[in-house]
N, C-alpha and C. Protein backbone atom coordinates (compact mmCIF):
# COMPACT_ATOMS: atom_id res chain seq x y z
N MET A 1 -0.61 42.31 -79.90
CA MET A 1 0.26 41.24 -79.48
C MET A 1 1.48 41.77 -78.76
N GLU A 2 1.88 42.97 -79.09
CA GLU A 2 3.07 43.51 -78.42
C GLU A 2 2.79 43.88 -76.97
N ASP A 3 1.49 44.05 -76.61
CA ASP A 3 1.17 44.32 -75.22
C ASP A 3 1.50 43.15 -74.31
N LEU A 4 1.41 41.94 -74.83
CA LEU A 4 1.66 40.77 -74.01
C LEU A 4 3.14 40.60 -73.65
N SER A 5 4.01 41.30 -74.32
CA SER A 5 5.43 41.22 -73.98
C SER A 5 5.88 42.40 -73.12
N ASP A 6 4.98 43.35 -72.86
CA ASP A 6 5.31 44.51 -72.05
C ASP A 6 5.12 44.18 -70.56
N PRO A 7 6.20 44.20 -69.77
CA PRO A 7 6.07 43.82 -68.36
C PRO A 7 5.21 44.80 -67.55
N VAL A 8 5.20 46.06 -67.92
CA VAL A 8 4.38 47.03 -67.19
C VAL A 8 2.90 46.73 -67.42
N PHE A 9 2.52 46.43 -68.64
CA PHE A 9 1.14 46.09 -68.96
C PHE A 9 0.72 44.81 -68.22
N LEU A 10 1.57 43.80 -68.24
CA LEU A 10 1.26 42.55 -67.56
C LEU A 10 1.14 42.76 -66.05
N SER A 11 1.98 43.61 -65.49
CA SER A 11 1.89 43.91 -64.06
C SER A 11 0.58 44.61 -63.73
N ARG A 12 0.16 45.50 -64.58
CA ARG A 12 -1.10 46.20 -64.35
C ARG A 12 -2.30 45.26 -64.46
N VAL A 13 -2.25 44.36 -65.41
CA VAL A 13 -3.32 43.38 -65.54
C VAL A 13 -3.37 42.47 -64.31
N GLN A 14 -2.21 42.03 -63.86
CA GLN A 14 -2.16 41.18 -62.69
C GLN A 14 -2.69 41.90 -61.45
N PHE A 15 -2.32 43.15 -61.28
CA PHE A 15 -2.82 43.93 -60.15
C PHE A 15 -4.33 44.12 -60.23
N ALA A 16 -4.85 44.38 -61.43
CA ALA A 16 -6.29 44.56 -61.60
C ALA A 16 -7.06 43.29 -61.26
N VAL A 17 -6.57 42.16 -61.73
CA VAL A 17 -7.25 40.89 -61.46
C VAL A 17 -7.21 40.57 -59.96
N THR A 18 -6.06 40.77 -59.35
CA THR A 18 -5.92 40.50 -57.92
C THR A 18 -6.81 41.42 -57.10
N THR A 19 -6.87 42.69 -57.45
CA THR A 19 -7.70 43.64 -56.72
C THR A 19 -9.18 43.30 -56.87
N LEU A 20 -9.61 42.98 -58.07
CA LEU A 20 -11.01 42.62 -58.28
C LEU A 20 -11.39 41.35 -57.52
N PHE A 21 -10.50 40.38 -57.52
CA PHE A 21 -10.76 39.13 -56.82
C PHE A 21 -10.87 39.37 -55.32
N HIS A 22 -9.99 40.19 -54.78
CA HIS A 22 -9.99 40.42 -53.34
C HIS A 22 -11.11 41.34 -52.88
N ILE A 23 -11.67 42.14 -53.74
CA ILE A 23 -12.77 43.00 -53.33
C ILE A 23 -14.10 42.28 -53.38
N ILE A 24 -14.21 41.22 -54.17
CA ILE A 24 -15.47 40.48 -54.28
C ILE A 24 -15.82 39.79 -52.96
N TRP A 25 -14.85 39.17 -52.31
CA TRP A 25 -15.16 38.37 -51.11
C TRP A 25 -15.63 39.20 -49.94
N PRO A 26 -15.01 40.34 -49.61
CA PRO A 26 -15.58 41.14 -48.50
C PRO A 26 -16.97 41.67 -48.80
N VAL A 27 -17.21 42.07 -50.04
CA VAL A 27 -18.54 42.56 -50.40
C VAL A 27 -19.57 41.46 -50.25
N LEU A 28 -19.26 40.25 -50.71
CA LEU A 28 -20.18 39.14 -50.55
C LEU A 28 -20.42 38.80 -49.09
N SER A 29 -19.37 38.84 -48.28
CA SER A 29 -19.52 38.52 -46.86
C SER A 29 -20.41 39.53 -46.16
N ILE A 30 -20.17 40.80 -46.41
CA ILE A 30 -20.96 41.84 -45.75
C ILE A 30 -22.41 41.80 -46.24
N GLY A 31 -22.59 41.65 -47.54
CA GLY A 31 -23.95 41.61 -48.07
C GLY A 31 -24.73 40.40 -47.59
N LEU A 32 -24.09 39.24 -47.59
CA LEU A 32 -24.78 38.04 -47.13
C LEU A 32 -25.08 38.09 -45.64
N SER A 33 -24.19 38.66 -44.86
CA SER A 33 -24.45 38.74 -43.42
C SER A 33 -25.64 39.65 -43.14
N LEU A 34 -25.74 40.75 -43.87
CA LEU A 34 -26.89 41.63 -43.70
C LEU A 34 -28.18 40.94 -44.15
N PHE A 35 -28.12 40.25 -45.28
CA PHE A 35 -29.29 39.52 -45.77
C PHE A 35 -29.73 38.44 -44.78
N LEU A 36 -28.76 37.72 -44.21
CA LEU A 36 -29.10 36.68 -43.24
C LEU A 36 -29.69 37.28 -41.97
N LEU A 37 -29.20 38.42 -41.56
CA LEU A 37 -29.76 39.09 -40.40
C LEU A 37 -31.22 39.46 -40.64
N ILE A 38 -31.51 39.97 -41.82
CA ILE A 38 -32.88 40.36 -42.15
C ILE A 38 -33.80 39.14 -42.23
N THR A 39 -33.34 38.08 -42.90
CA THR A 39 -34.20 36.89 -43.03
C THR A 39 -34.44 36.22 -41.67
N GLU A 40 -33.41 36.18 -40.83
CA GLU A 40 -33.60 35.60 -39.49
C GLU A 40 -34.56 36.45 -38.67
N ALA A 41 -34.44 37.77 -38.76
CA ALA A 41 -35.35 38.65 -38.01
C ALA A 41 -36.78 38.48 -38.51
N LEU A 42 -36.96 38.38 -39.82
CA LEU A 42 -38.30 38.16 -40.36
C LEU A 42 -38.86 36.81 -39.91
N TRP A 43 -38.01 35.81 -39.85
CA TRP A 43 -38.48 34.50 -39.42
C TRP A 43 -38.89 34.53 -37.94
N PHE A 44 -38.10 35.18 -37.11
CA PHE A 44 -38.46 35.27 -35.69
C PHE A 44 -39.74 36.07 -35.49
N ARG A 45 -39.94 37.07 -36.33
CA ARG A 45 -41.11 37.93 -36.16
C ARG A 45 -42.38 37.29 -36.72
N THR A 46 -42.30 36.69 -37.91
CA THR A 46 -43.51 36.19 -38.57
C THR A 46 -43.69 34.69 -38.46
N ARG A 47 -42.63 33.96 -38.21
CA ARG A 47 -42.64 32.49 -38.17
C ARG A 47 -43.10 31.88 -39.49
N GLN A 48 -42.88 32.58 -40.59
CA GLN A 48 -43.19 32.02 -41.90
C GLN A 48 -42.00 31.16 -42.35
N GLU A 49 -42.33 30.00 -42.85
CA GLU A 49 -41.30 29.03 -43.20
C GLU A 49 -40.41 29.50 -44.34
N VAL A 50 -40.92 30.36 -45.22
CA VAL A 50 -40.13 30.82 -46.36
C VAL A 50 -38.90 31.58 -45.88
N HIS A 51 -39.02 32.37 -44.83
CA HIS A 51 -37.88 33.11 -44.30
C HIS A 51 -36.85 32.16 -43.69
N TYR A 52 -37.35 31.14 -43.01
CA TYR A 52 -36.45 30.14 -42.43
C TYR A 52 -35.68 29.39 -43.52
N ARG A 53 -36.36 29.03 -44.58
CA ARG A 53 -35.71 28.31 -45.67
C ARG A 53 -34.67 29.18 -46.38
N HIS A 54 -35.00 30.46 -46.56
CA HIS A 54 -34.02 31.37 -47.17
C HIS A 54 -32.77 31.51 -46.30
N SER A 55 -32.97 31.66 -45.03
CA SER A 55 -31.80 31.83 -44.16
C SER A 55 -30.96 30.56 -44.10
N ARG A 56 -31.59 29.40 -44.11
CA ARG A 56 -30.84 28.14 -44.13
C ARG A 56 -30.06 27.97 -45.44
N PHE A 57 -30.72 28.28 -46.55
CA PHE A 57 -30.07 28.12 -47.85
C PHE A 57 -28.88 29.06 -47.99
N TRP A 58 -29.06 30.34 -47.71
CA TRP A 58 -27.99 31.32 -47.92
C TRP A 58 -26.91 31.24 -46.85
N SER A 59 -27.21 30.67 -45.70
CA SER A 59 -26.16 30.54 -44.68
C SER A 59 -25.08 29.55 -45.13
N ARG A 60 -25.43 28.60 -45.96
CA ARG A 60 -24.42 27.68 -46.48
C ARG A 60 -23.41 28.40 -47.37
N PHE A 61 -23.90 29.31 -48.20
CA PHE A 61 -22.99 30.10 -49.03
C PHE A 61 -22.14 31.04 -48.18
N PHE A 62 -22.75 31.57 -47.13
CA PHE A 62 -22.01 32.45 -46.24
C PHE A 62 -20.88 31.68 -45.55
N LEU A 63 -21.16 30.49 -45.12
CA LEU A 63 -20.12 29.68 -44.47
C LEU A 63 -19.01 29.31 -45.45
N LEU A 64 -19.38 28.99 -46.68
CA LEU A 64 -18.36 28.71 -47.69
C LEU A 64 -17.51 29.94 -47.97
N ASN A 65 -18.15 31.08 -48.06
CA ASN A 65 -17.44 32.33 -48.32
C ASN A 65 -16.53 32.67 -47.15
N PHE A 66 -17.03 32.51 -45.94
CA PHE A 66 -16.22 32.80 -44.76
C PHE A 66 -15.04 31.84 -44.66
N GLY A 67 -15.28 30.58 -44.93
CA GLY A 67 -14.19 29.60 -44.88
C GLY A 67 -13.15 29.84 -45.95
N PHE A 68 -13.61 30.27 -47.12
CA PHE A 68 -12.67 30.55 -48.21
C PHE A 68 -11.82 31.77 -47.90
N CYS A 69 -12.42 32.78 -47.29
CA CYS A 69 -11.68 34.02 -47.00
C CYS A 69 -10.71 33.83 -45.86
N SER A 70 -11.03 32.98 -44.91
CA SER A 70 -10.17 32.85 -43.75
C SER A 70 -9.17 31.70 -43.85
N SER A 71 -9.20 30.95 -44.95
CA SER A 71 -8.25 29.86 -45.09
C SER A 71 -6.86 30.40 -45.43
N PRO A 72 -5.83 29.79 -44.87
CA PRO A 72 -4.48 30.26 -45.15
C PRO A 72 -4.08 30.01 -46.60
N THR A 73 -3.30 30.91 -47.12
CA THR A 73 -2.83 30.78 -48.50
C THR A 73 -1.66 29.81 -48.54
N LEU A 74 -1.67 28.94 -49.52
CA LEU A 74 -0.58 27.97 -49.66
C LEU A 74 0.59 28.58 -50.39
């Protein structure tokens, strides 16, 4: 309980949470963009509907992620 009154400990916890939060979004953006590139390429090459459906489904999450990362902070 005494840790919660220590400002150095609280500062470190705040920095850790902020750093973890900010590292998640670029990793998701890069990973999803690579995945979308692969699924689109597979769809163009094979014309199988499953690849098209995957790229459509995951592109919505990519757009949400991109919009969330580029929105101005209030």
